[in-house]
Amino acid sequence: MSDIENQAIPPQPPQGDAPGAEAAPEADDSGRKLAELEARHAEVSDAYLRAKAEAENTRRRADEEVAKARKFAVESFAESLLPVKDSLEAAIAIPDAKPEQVLEGVHATLRQLASALERNRVVEISPAAGAKFDPHQHQAISVVPAPTQESNTVVAVLQKGYLIADRVLRPALVTVSAP
């Protein structure tokens, strides 16, 4: 062997180890991470837009349902009052009805009306004499001396009141005992 052959040849650095070559794998890694992040961002952005659209559609449908409920809320009530109207029209259609027949028809019509109100949760407020005055359900028209009753109790009902689903539609007009 020659001297040249015996000389140790320093190993050549791989081409990637050259100054500035270290950044290339990192750049590839960074580029891959950036592409992954951009893809993830696109997915999240798409999911957000879909969720936003779904929420808007749900809100719109709910608004439409509320509008329909308001529009047709009295439908059931109106249907239950139609027989009452029919009875009144039938009573008017009989020209020479006897007073007893008219009175009987009025009582039947009143029962129909009471039934229709009850089906629609309209309840009378008609406190008995001596019941405690309730300002939430009663309206005092006058205060009268009533020595046989406790003060601030109902003496008489001048006009019945009504509740609809536990809400006062019209308070009962009452006279109240003086203190």
N, C-alpha and C. Protein backbone atom coordinates (compact mmCIF):
# COMPACT_ATOMS: atom_id res chain seq x y z
N MET A 1 0.81 -1.16 0.00
CA MET A 1 0.00 0.00 0.00
C MET A 1 0.86 1.22 0.00
N SER A 2 0.29 2.14 -0.60
CA SER A 2 1.05 3.38 -0.68
C SER A 2 0.73 4.25 0.51
N ASP A 3 1.57 5.26 0.67
CA ASP A 3 1.36 6.17 1.79
C ASP A 3 0.03 6.89 1.67
N ILE A 4 -0.31 7.13 0.49
CA ILE A 4 -1.57 7.86 0.29
C ILE A 4 -2.72 6.96 0.71
N GLU A 5 -2.60 5.71 0.42
CA GLU A 5 -3.68 4.81 0.77
C GLU A 5 -3.74 4.60 2.26
N ASN A 6 -2.59 4.65 2.97
CA ASN A 6 -2.58 4.44 4.41
C ASN A 6 -3.05 5.67 5.18
N GLN A 7 -3.01 6.77 4.55
CA GLN A 7 -3.42 7.97 5.27
C GLN A 7 -4.92 7.89 5.56
N ALA A 8 -5.22 8.29 6.72
CA ALA A 8 -6.63 8.29 7.09
C ALA A 8 -7.29 9.48 6.43
N ILE A 9 -8.30 9.17 5.77
CA ILE A 9 -9.06 10.23 5.11
C ILE A 9 -10.15 10.63 6.09
N PRO A 10 -10.11 11.88 6.41
CA PRO A 10 -11.17 12.30 7.36
C PRO A 10 -12.54 12.06 6.73
N PRO A 11 -13.39 11.62 7.50
CA PRO A 11 -14.73 11.36 6.95
C PRO A 11 -15.37 12.65 6.48
N GLN A 12 -16.04 12.55 5.38
CA GLN A 12 -16.74 13.70 4.83
C GLN A 12 -18.08 13.84 5.56
N PRO A 13 -18.31 15.03 5.95
CA PRO A 13 -19.63 15.19 6.60
C PRO A 13 -20.72 14.96 5.57
N PRO A 14 -21.81 14.38 5.97
CA PRO A 14 -22.91 14.22 5.02
C PRO A 14 -23.36 15.59 4.56
N GLN A 15 -23.93 15.63 3.41
CA GLN A 15 -24.28 16.92 2.83
C GLN A 15 -25.28 17.67 3.69
N GLY A 16 -26.07 17.00 4.49
CA GLY A 16 -27.04 17.67 5.33
C GLY A 16 -26.38 18.31 6.52
N ASP A 17 -25.12 17.98 6.84
CA ASP A 17 -24.48 18.54 8.02
C ASP A 17 -23.74 19.82 7.72
N ALA A 18 -23.80 20.29 6.54
CA ALA A 18 -23.13 21.53 6.20
C ALA A 18 -23.78 22.67 6.94
N PRO A 19 -23.01 23.73 7.20
CA PRO A 19 -23.63 24.86 7.89
C PRO A 19 -24.86 25.32 7.10
N GLY A 20 -25.93 25.54 7.84
CA GLY A 20 -27.18 25.94 7.19
C GLY A 20 -28.01 24.75 6.78
N ALA A 21 -27.42 23.56 6.76
CA ALA A 21 -28.16 22.37 6.35
C ALA A 21 -29.01 21.87 7.51
N GLU A 22 -28.68 22.21 8.76
CA GLU A 22 -29.46 21.79 9.91
C GLU A 22 -30.85 22.41 9.85
N ALA A 23 -31.02 23.56 9.32
CA ALA A 23 -32.29 24.27 9.26
C ALA A 23 -33.25 23.58 8.30
N ALA A 24 -32.75 22.86 7.33
CA ALA A 24 -33.63 22.22 6.35
C ALA A 24 -34.55 21.20 6.99
N PRO A 25 -34.05 20.25 7.84
CA PRO A 25 -35.00 19.33 8.46
C PRO A 25 -35.97 20.06 9.37
N GLU A 26 -35.49 21.06 10.08
CA GLU A 26 -36.37 21.83 10.94
C GLU A 26 -37.40 22.57 10.09
N ALA A 27 -36.98 23.07 8.95
CA ALA A 27 -37.90 23.77 8.06
C ALA A 27 -38.95 22.80 7.54
N ASP A 28 -38.51 21.58 7.20
CA ASP A 28 -39.48 20.59 6.75
C ASP A 28 -40.46 20.27 7.87
N ASP A 29 -39.91 20.12 9.10
CA ASP A 29 -40.75 19.82 10.26
C ASP A 29 -41.69 20.99 10.54
N SER A 30 -41.19 22.20 10.48
CA SER A 30 -42.01 23.40 10.70
C SER A 30 -43.08 23.53 9.62
N GLY A 31 -42.69 23.28 8.40
CA GLY A 31 -43.65 23.35 7.29
C GLY A 31 -44.77 22.33 7.46
N ARG A 32 -44.39 21.13 7.91
CA ARG A 32 -45.39 20.09 8.14
C ARG A 32 -46.32 20.50 9.28
N LYS A 33 -45.75 21.04 10.36
CA LYS A 33 -46.57 21.48 11.49
C LYS A 33 -47.50 22.62 11.08
N LEU A 34 -46.98 23.54 10.29
CA LEU A 34 -47.80 24.65 9.81
C LEU A 34 -48.96 24.14 8.96
N ALA A 35 -48.67 23.18 8.10
CA ALA A 35 -49.73 22.61 7.25
C ALA A 35 -50.77 21.90 8.12
N GLU A 36 -50.30 21.18 9.17
CA GLU A 36 -51.24 20.51 10.07
C GLU A 36 -52.10 21.52 10.81
N LEU A 37 -51.45 22.60 11.30
CA LEU A 37 -52.19 23.64 12.02
C LEU A 37 -53.19 24.35 11.10
N GLU A 38 -52.80 24.60 9.87
CA GLU A 38 -53.73 25.24 8.93
C GLU A 38 -54.91 24.32 8.64
N ALA A 39 -54.64 23.02 8.50
CA ALA A 39 -55.72 22.06 8.26
C ALA A 39 -56.65 22.01 9.48
N ARG A 40 -56.07 21.98 10.66
CA ARG A 40 -56.86 21.97 11.90
C ARG A 40 -57.68 23.25 12.02
N HIS A 41 -57.08 24.36 11.69
CA HIS A 41 -57.78 25.65 11.72
C HIS A 41 -58.96 25.63 10.75
N ALA A 42 -58.76 25.08 9.59
CA ALA A 42 -59.84 24.99 8.60
C ALA A 42 -60.97 24.11 9.14
N GLU A 43 -60.63 22.99 9.81
CA GLU A 43 -61.65 22.12 10.39
C GLU A 43 -62.44 22.84 11.48
N VAL A 44 -61.70 23.50 12.38
CA VAL A 44 -62.36 24.21 13.48
C VAL A 44 -63.21 25.35 12.94
N SER A 45 -62.71 26.06 11.98
CA SER A 45 -63.45 27.16 11.38
C SER A 45 -64.73 26.65 10.72
N ASP A 46 -64.63 25.53 10.02
CA ASP A 46 -65.80 24.93 9.39
C ASP A 46 -66.81 24.48 10.45
N ALA A 47 -66.32 23.84 11.51
CA ALA A 47 -67.20 23.38 12.59
C ALA A 47 -67.89 24.57 13.25
N TYR A 48 -67.16 25.64 13.45
CA TYR A 48 -67.73 26.86 14.05
C TYR A 48 -68.84 27.42 13.17
N LEU A 49 -68.56 27.54 11.88
CA LEU A 49 -69.57 28.09 10.96
C LEU A 49 -70.82 27.21 10.91
N ARG A 50 -70.62 25.89 10.93
CA ARG A 50 -71.77 24.98 10.93
C ARG A 50 -72.57 25.12 12.22
N ALA A 51 -71.88 25.19 13.36
CA ALA A 51 -72.57 25.35 14.64
C ALA A 51 -73.32 26.68 14.70
N LYS A 52 -72.69 27.72 14.19
CA LYS A 52 -73.34 29.03 14.17
C LYS A 52 -74.59 28.99 13.29
N ALA A 53 -74.50 28.37 12.15
CA ALA A 53 -75.65 28.25 11.25
C ALA A 53 -76.76 27.42 11.90
N GLU A 54 -76.37 26.34 12.57
CA GLU A 54 -77.36 25.50 13.26
C GLU A 54 -78.06 26.28 14.37
N ALA A 55 -77.29 27.04 15.14
CA ALA A 55 -77.88 27.86 16.21
C ALA A 55 -78.84 28.89 15.62
N GLU A 56 -78.47 29.51 14.53
CA GLU A 56 -79.33 30.50 13.88
C GLU A 56 -80.61 29.84 13.36
N ASN A 57 -80.49 28.66 12.77
CA ASN A 57 -81.68 27.93 12.28
C ASN A 57 -82.59 27.54 13.45
N THR A 58 -82.01 27.10 14.55
CA THR A 58 -82.79 26.73 15.73
C THR A 58 -83.52 27.95 16.27
N ARG A 59 -82.83 29.07 16.36
CA ARG A 59 -83.45 30.31 16.85
C ARG A 59 -84.59 30.74 15.93
N ARG A 60 -84.37 30.64 14.62
CA ARG A 60 -85.40 31.03 13.65
C ARG A 60 -86.63 30.12 13.77
N ARG A 61 -86.39 28.80 13.91
CA ARG A 61 -87.51 27.86 14.06
C ARG A 61 -88.28 28.14 15.35
N ALA A 62 -87.56 28.43 16.42
CA ALA A 62 -88.22 28.74 17.70
C ALA A 62 -89.05 30.01 17.58
N ASP A 63 -88.52 31.02 16.90
CA ASP A 63 -89.28 32.26 16.69
C ASP A 63 -90.54 31.99 15.89
N GLU A 64 -90.44 31.14 14.87
CA GLU A 64 -91.62 30.81 14.06
C GLU A 64 -92.65 30.06 14.89
N GLU A 65 -92.20 29.14 15.74
CA GLU A 65 -93.13 28.39 16.59
C GLU A 65 -93.82 29.31 17.58
N VAL A 66 -93.08 30.25 18.17
CA VAL A 66 -93.68 31.20 19.10
C VAL A 66 -94.70 32.07 18.38
N ALA A 67 -94.38 32.51 17.17
CA ALA A 67 -95.32 33.32 16.40
C ALA A 67 -96.59 32.53 16.09
N LYS A 68 -96.44 31.26 15.73
CA LYS A 68 -97.62 30.42 15.46
C LYS A 68 -98.43 30.22 16.73
N ALA A 69 -97.75 29.99 17.85
CA ALA A 69 -98.45 29.78 19.11
C ALA A 69 -99.25 31.01 19.49
N ARG A 70 -98.68 32.19 19.30
CA ARG A 70 -99.41 33.43 19.58
C ARG A 70 -100.59 33.59 18.65
N LYS A 71 -100.36 33.31 17.39
CA LYS A 71 -101.40 33.50 16.38
C LYS A 71 -102.60 32.59 16.63
N PHE A 72 -102.33 31.33 17.01
CA PHE A 72 -103.40 30.36 17.15
C PHE A 72 -103.72 30.03 18.61
N ALA A 73 -103.28 30.85 19.55
CA ALA A 73 -103.50 30.59 20.97
C ALA A 73 -104.98 30.58 21.32
N VAL A 74 -105.77 31.38 20.67
CA VAL A 74 -107.20 31.46 20.99
C VAL A 74 -108.03 30.46 20.20
N GLU A 75 -107.41 29.67 19.34
CA GLU A 75 -108.16 28.74 18.50
C GLU A 75 -109.02 27.78 19.34
N SER A 76 -108.43 27.17 20.35
CA SER A 76 -109.17 26.24 21.20
C SER A 76 -110.29 26.95 21.94
N PHE A 77 -110.00 28.13 22.44
CA PHE A 77 -111.00 28.90 23.16
C PHE A 77 -112.16 29.27 22.23
N ALA A 78 -111.83 29.72 21.03
CA ALA A 78 -112.87 30.08 20.06
C ALA A 78 -113.72 28.87 19.69
N GLU A 79 -113.09 27.72 19.51
CA GLU A 79 -113.84 26.50 19.19
C GLU A 79 -114.82 26.14 20.29
N SER A 80 -114.41 26.33 21.54
CA SER A 80 -115.31 25.98 22.64
C SER A 80 -116.45 26.99 22.80
N LEU A 81 -116.30 28.19 22.26
CA LEU A 81 -117.37 29.19 22.34
C LEU A 81 -118.36 29.10 21.18
N LEU A 82 -118.02 28.42 20.12
CA LEU A 82 -118.92 28.33 18.97
C LEU A 82 -120.28 27.70 19.31
N PRO A 83 -120.34 26.64 20.12
CA PRO A 83 -121.66 26.11 20.49
C PRO A 83 -122.52 27.13 21.25
N VAL A 84 -121.89 27.97 22.03
CA VAL A 84 -122.62 29.01 22.76
C VAL A 84 -123.25 29.98 21.76
N LYS A 85 -122.48 30.38 20.78
CA LYS A 85 -123.01 31.27 19.73
C LYS A 85 -124.14 30.59 18.98
N ASP A 86 -123.96 29.32 18.64
CA ASP A 86 -125.02 28.57 17.95
C ASP A 86 -126.31 28.55 18.76
N SER A 87 -126.19 28.34 20.07
CA SER A 87 -127.37 28.30 20.93
C SER A 87 -128.08 29.65 20.97
N LEU A 88 -127.31 30.72 21.04
CA LEU A 88 -127.91 32.06 21.05
C LEU A 88 -128.62 32.34 19.73
N GLU A 89 -128.00 31.96 18.63
CA GLU A 89 -128.63 32.16 17.32
C GLU A 89 -129.90 31.33 17.18
N ALA A 90 -129.89 30.11 17.73
CA ALA A 90 -131.08 29.26 17.69
C ALA A 90 -132.21 29.88 18.51
N ALA A 91 -131.86 30.49 19.65
CA ALA A 91 -132.87 31.13 20.50
C ALA A 91 -133.51 32.32 19.77
N ILE A 92 -132.70 33.08 19.07
CA ILE A 92 -133.21 34.24 18.33
C ILE A 92 -134.08 33.79 17.15
N ALA A 93 -133.79 32.65 16.60
CA ALA A 93 -134.51 32.16 15.41
C ALA A 93 -135.94 31.72 15.74
N ILE A 94 -136.26 31.51 17.00
CA ILE A 94 -137.62 31.11 17.39
C ILE A 94 -138.40 32.39 17.72
N PRO A 95 -139.26 32.86 16.79
CA PRO A 95 -139.92 34.16 17.00
C PRO A 95 -140.96 34.17 18.12
N ASP A 96 -141.75 33.13 18.28
CA ASP A 96 -142.81 33.18 19.28
C ASP A 96 -142.57 32.15 20.39
N ALA A 97 -141.34 32.17 20.94
CA ALA A 97 -141.01 31.25 22.04
C ALA A 97 -141.66 31.77 23.32
N LYS A 98 -142.08 30.85 24.15
CA LYS A 98 -142.67 31.20 25.44
C LYS A 98 -141.55 31.60 26.39
N PRO A 99 -141.84 32.44 27.37
CA PRO A 99 -140.80 32.86 28.34
C PRO A 99 -140.13 31.68 29.04
N GLU A 100 -140.87 30.62 29.31
CA GLU A 100 -140.29 29.45 29.97
C GLU A 100 -139.25 28.78 29.05
N GLN A 101 -139.57 28.73 27.76
CA GLN A 101 -138.64 28.14 26.79
C GLN A 101 -137.38 29.00 26.67
N VAL A 102 -137.56 30.31 26.63
CA VAL A 102 -136.41 31.22 26.53
C VAL A 102 -135.53 31.06 27.77
N LEU A 103 -136.16 31.05 28.95
CA LEU A 103 -135.41 30.91 30.19
C LEU A 103 -134.66 29.57 30.22
N GLU A 104 -135.29 28.52 29.79
CA GLU A 104 -134.63 27.21 29.73
C GLU A 104 -133.44 27.26 28.77
N GLY A 105 -133.61 27.91 27.62
CA GLY A 105 -132.52 28.06 26.66
C GLY A 105 -131.37 28.90 27.20
N VAL A 106 -131.71 29.95 27.94
CA VAL A 106 -130.67 30.80 28.55
C VAL A 106 -129.87 29.99 29.56
N HIS A 107 -130.54 29.20 30.38
CA HIS A 107 -129.83 28.37 31.36
C HIS A 107 -128.93 27.35 30.66
N ALA A 108 -129.42 26.74 29.59
CA ALA A 108 -128.60 25.77 28.84
C ALA A 108 -127.39 26.47 28.21
N THR A 109 -127.60 27.66 27.68
CA THR A 109 -126.50 28.42 27.07
C THR A 109 -125.48 28.83 28.12
N LEU A 110 -125.96 29.23 29.30
CA LEU A 110 -125.05 29.58 30.39
C LEU A 110 -124.21 28.38 30.81
N ARG A 111 -124.81 27.20 30.85
CA ARG A 111 -124.05 25.98 31.18
C ARG A 111 -122.98 25.70 30.11
N GLN A 112 -123.34 25.91 28.84
CA GLN A 112 -122.36 25.72 27.76
C GLN A 112 -121.20 26.70 27.92
N LEU A 113 -121.53 27.94 28.23
CA LEU A 113 -120.49 28.97 28.40
C LEU A 113 -119.60 28.64 29.60
N ALA A 114 -120.20 28.24 30.71
CA ALA A 114 -119.41 27.88 31.89
C ALA A 114 -118.49 26.70 31.59
N SER A 115 -119.00 25.73 30.83
CA SER A 115 -118.19 24.57 30.46
C SER A 115 -117.03 24.98 29.55
N ALA A 116 -117.31 25.86 28.60
CA ALA A 116 -116.25 26.33 27.69
C ALA A 116 -115.18 27.08 28.46
N LEU A 117 -115.58 27.91 29.41
CA LEU A 117 -114.60 28.65 30.22
C LEU A 117 -113.78 27.69 31.07
N GLU A 118 -114.44 26.71 31.66
CA GLU A 118 -113.74 25.74 32.50
C GLU A 118 -112.72 24.93 31.70
N ARG A 119 -113.09 24.51 30.48
CA ARG A 119 -112.15 23.76 29.63
C ARG A 119 -110.92 24.58 29.29
N ASN A 120 -111.08 25.89 29.28
CA ASN A 120 -109.96 26.78 28.94
C ASN A 120 -109.34 27.40 30.18
N ARG A 121 -109.56 26.79 31.31
CA ARG A 121 -108.96 27.16 32.60
C ARG A 121 -109.29 28.58 33.03
N VAL A 122 -110.51 29.03 32.72
CA VAL A 122 -111.00 30.31 33.21
C VAL A 122 -111.88 29.98 34.41
N VAL A 123 -111.47 30.45 35.60
CA VAL A 123 -112.12 30.09 36.84
C VAL A 123 -112.70 31.34 37.50
N GLU A 124 -113.90 31.21 38.06
CA GLU A 124 -114.56 32.33 38.74
C GLU A 124 -113.85 32.67 40.04
N ILE A 125 -113.85 33.97 40.36
CA ILE A 125 -113.45 34.44 41.69
C ILE A 125 -114.73 35.03 42.29
N SER A 126 -115.29 34.32 43.24
CA SER A 126 -116.52 34.78 43.89
C SER A 126 -116.41 34.43 45.36
N PRO A 127 -115.72 35.29 46.14
CA PRO A 127 -115.50 34.96 47.56
C PRO A 127 -116.81 35.00 48.35
N ALA A 128 -116.89 34.13 49.31
CA ALA A 128 -118.07 34.09 50.18
C ALA A 128 -118.01 35.25 51.17
N ALA A 129 -119.17 35.64 51.65
CA ALA A 129 -119.21 36.69 52.67
C ALA A 129 -118.40 36.23 53.88
N GLY A 130 -117.57 37.11 54.39
CA GLY A 130 -116.73 36.78 55.53
C GLY A 130 -115.34 36.30 55.15
N ALA A 131 -115.11 36.07 53.85
CA ALA A 131 -113.76 35.65 53.41
C ALA A 131 -112.80 36.82 53.54
N LYS A 132 -111.56 36.52 53.81
CA LYS A 132 -110.55 37.57 53.95
C LYS A 132 -110.34 38.27 52.61
N PHE A 133 -110.26 39.60 52.65
CA PHE A 133 -110.03 40.39 51.45
C PHE A 133 -108.63 40.10 50.92
N ASP A 134 -108.53 39.76 49.63
CA ASP A 134 -107.24 39.48 48.98
C ASP A 134 -107.04 40.52 47.88
N PRO A 135 -106.16 41.48 48.08
CA PRO A 135 -105.98 42.53 47.07
C PRO A 135 -105.46 42.03 45.73
N HIS A 136 -104.95 40.79 45.71
CA HIS A 136 -104.47 40.23 44.45
C HIS A 136 -105.61 39.68 43.59
N GLN A 137 -106.74 39.36 44.22
CA GLN A 137 -107.87 38.80 43.49
C GLN A 137 -109.14 39.62 43.61
N HIS A 138 -109.18 40.53 44.56
CA HIS A 138 -110.38 41.32 44.80
C HIS A 138 -110.08 42.80 44.63
N GLN A 139 -111.09 43.55 44.23
CA GLN A 139 -110.98 45.01 44.17
C GLN A 139 -112.07 45.57 45.05
N ALA A 140 -111.68 46.29 46.10
CA ALA A 140 -112.65 46.86 47.03
C ALA A 140 -113.29 48.09 46.40
N ILE A 141 -114.61 48.06 46.30
CA ILE A 141 -115.36 49.19 45.75
C ILE A 141 -115.75 50.14 46.87
N SER A 142 -116.10 49.57 48.00
CA SER A 142 -116.46 50.40 49.16
C SER A 142 -116.14 49.66 50.44
N VAL A 143 -116.07 50.44 51.52
CA VAL A 143 -115.86 49.90 52.86
C VAL A 143 -117.10 50.24 53.66
N VAL A 144 -117.70 49.22 54.23
CA VAL A 144 -118.95 49.42 54.97
C VAL A 144 -118.79 48.88 56.39
N PRO A 145 -119.50 49.49 57.34
CA PRO A 145 -119.45 48.93 58.70
C PRO A 145 -120.20 47.60 58.73
N ALA A 146 -119.58 46.62 59.34
CA ALA A 146 -120.20 45.29 59.47
C ALA A 146 -119.86 44.76 60.86
N PRO A 147 -120.69 45.09 61.82
CA PRO A 147 -120.38 44.71 63.21
C PRO A 147 -120.32 43.20 63.45
N THR A 148 -120.96 42.43 62.57
CA THR A 148 -120.96 40.98 62.79
C THR A 148 -119.78 40.28 62.12
N GLN A 149 -118.97 41.03 61.40
CA GLN A 149 -117.82 40.43 60.69
C GLN A 149 -116.52 41.04 61.16
N GLU A 150 -115.45 40.28 60.97
CA GLU A 150 -114.11 40.80 61.24
C GLU A 150 -113.81 41.92 60.25
N SER A 151 -112.88 42.78 60.61
CA SER A 151 -112.52 43.85 59.69
C SER A 151 -111.72 43.29 58.52
N ASN A 152 -111.79 43.98 57.41
CA ASN A 152 -111.05 43.63 56.20
C ASN A 152 -111.48 42.27 55.63
N THR A 153 -112.77 41.98 55.71
CA THR A 153 -113.32 40.77 55.11
C THR A 153 -114.39 41.17 54.10
N VAL A 154 -114.70 40.28 53.19
CA VAL A 154 -115.67 40.54 52.13
C VAL A 154 -117.08 40.54 52.73
N VAL A 155 -117.84 41.62 52.43
CA VAL A 155 -119.23 41.70 52.87
C VAL A 155 -120.14 41.20 51.76
N ALA A 156 -119.88 41.68 50.52
CA ALA A 156 -120.70 41.26 49.38
C ALA A 156 -119.87 41.32 48.10
N VAL A 157 -120.25 40.49 47.15
CA VAL A 157 -119.60 40.49 45.83
C VAL A 157 -120.52 41.23 44.88
N LEU A 158 -120.03 42.31 44.29
CA LEU A 158 -120.82 43.09 43.34
C LEU A 158 -120.68 42.55 41.92
N GLN A 159 -119.49 42.02 41.60
CA GLN A 159 -119.24 41.44 40.28
C GLN A 159 -118.17 40.36 40.44
N LYS A 160 -118.43 39.18 39.89
CA LYS A 160 -117.46 38.09 39.97
C LYS A 160 -116.19 38.46 39.21
N GLY A 161 -115.09 37.92 39.69
CA GLY A 161 -113.83 38.07 38.98
C GLY A 161 -113.48 36.75 38.33
N TYR A 162 -112.39 36.75 37.56
CA TYR A 162 -111.99 35.52 36.87
C TYR A 162 -110.47 35.38 36.85
N LEU A 163 -110.04 34.13 36.98
CA LEU A 163 -108.63 33.75 36.84
C LEU A 163 -108.51 32.98 35.55
N ILE A 164 -107.38 33.12 34.89
CA ILE A 164 -107.07 32.27 33.75
C ILE A 164 -105.68 31.69 34.02
N ALA A 165 -105.67 30.39 34.24
CA ALA A 165 -104.42 29.68 34.56
C ALA A 165 -103.69 30.36 35.72
N ASP A 166 -104.40 30.60 36.83
CA ASP A 166 -103.85 31.18 38.06
C ASP A 166 -103.42 32.63 37.91
N ARG A 167 -103.83 33.29 36.87
CA ARG A 167 -103.52 34.71 36.67
C ARG A 167 -104.84 35.47 36.65
N VAL A 168 -104.89 36.59 37.35
CA VAL A 168 -106.14 37.34 37.44
C VAL A 168 -106.45 37.98 36.09
N LEU A 169 -107.60 37.59 35.56
CA LEU A 169 -108.09 38.17 34.31
C LEU A 169 -108.89 39.43 34.64
N ARG A 170 -109.73 39.30 35.68
CA ARG A 170 -110.50 40.43 36.18
C ARG A 170 -110.72 40.20 37.67
N PRO A 171 -110.38 41.18 38.52
CA PRO A 171 -110.60 40.98 39.96
C PRO A 171 -112.09 41.03 40.29
N ALA A 172 -112.48 40.38 41.37
CA ALA A 172 -113.85 40.42 41.83
C ALA A 172 -114.07 41.79 42.49
N LEU A 173 -115.19 42.44 42.15
CA LEU A 173 -115.54 43.72 42.76
C LEU A 173 -116.31 43.42 44.04
N VAL A 174 -115.79 43.87 45.18
CA VAL A 174 -116.38 43.53 46.46
C VAL A 174 -116.52 44.75 47.38
N THR A 175 -117.43 44.62 48.34
CA THR A 175 -117.47 45.58 49.45
C THR A 175 -116.78 44.90 50.61
N VAL A 176 -116.07 45.70 51.40
CA VAL A 176 -115.24 45.16 52.48
C VAL A 176 -115.70 45.76 53.81
N SER A 177 -115.59 44.97 54.87
CA SER A 177 -115.96 45.45 56.19
C SER A 177 -114.93 46.46 56.70
N ALA A 178 -115.45 47.47 57.38
CA ALA A 178 -114.58 48.52 57.91
C ALA A 178 -113.82 48.01 59.13
N PRO A 179 -112.64 48.58 59.38
CA PRO A 179 -111.88 48.17 60.57
C PRO A 179 -112.54 48.65 61.85
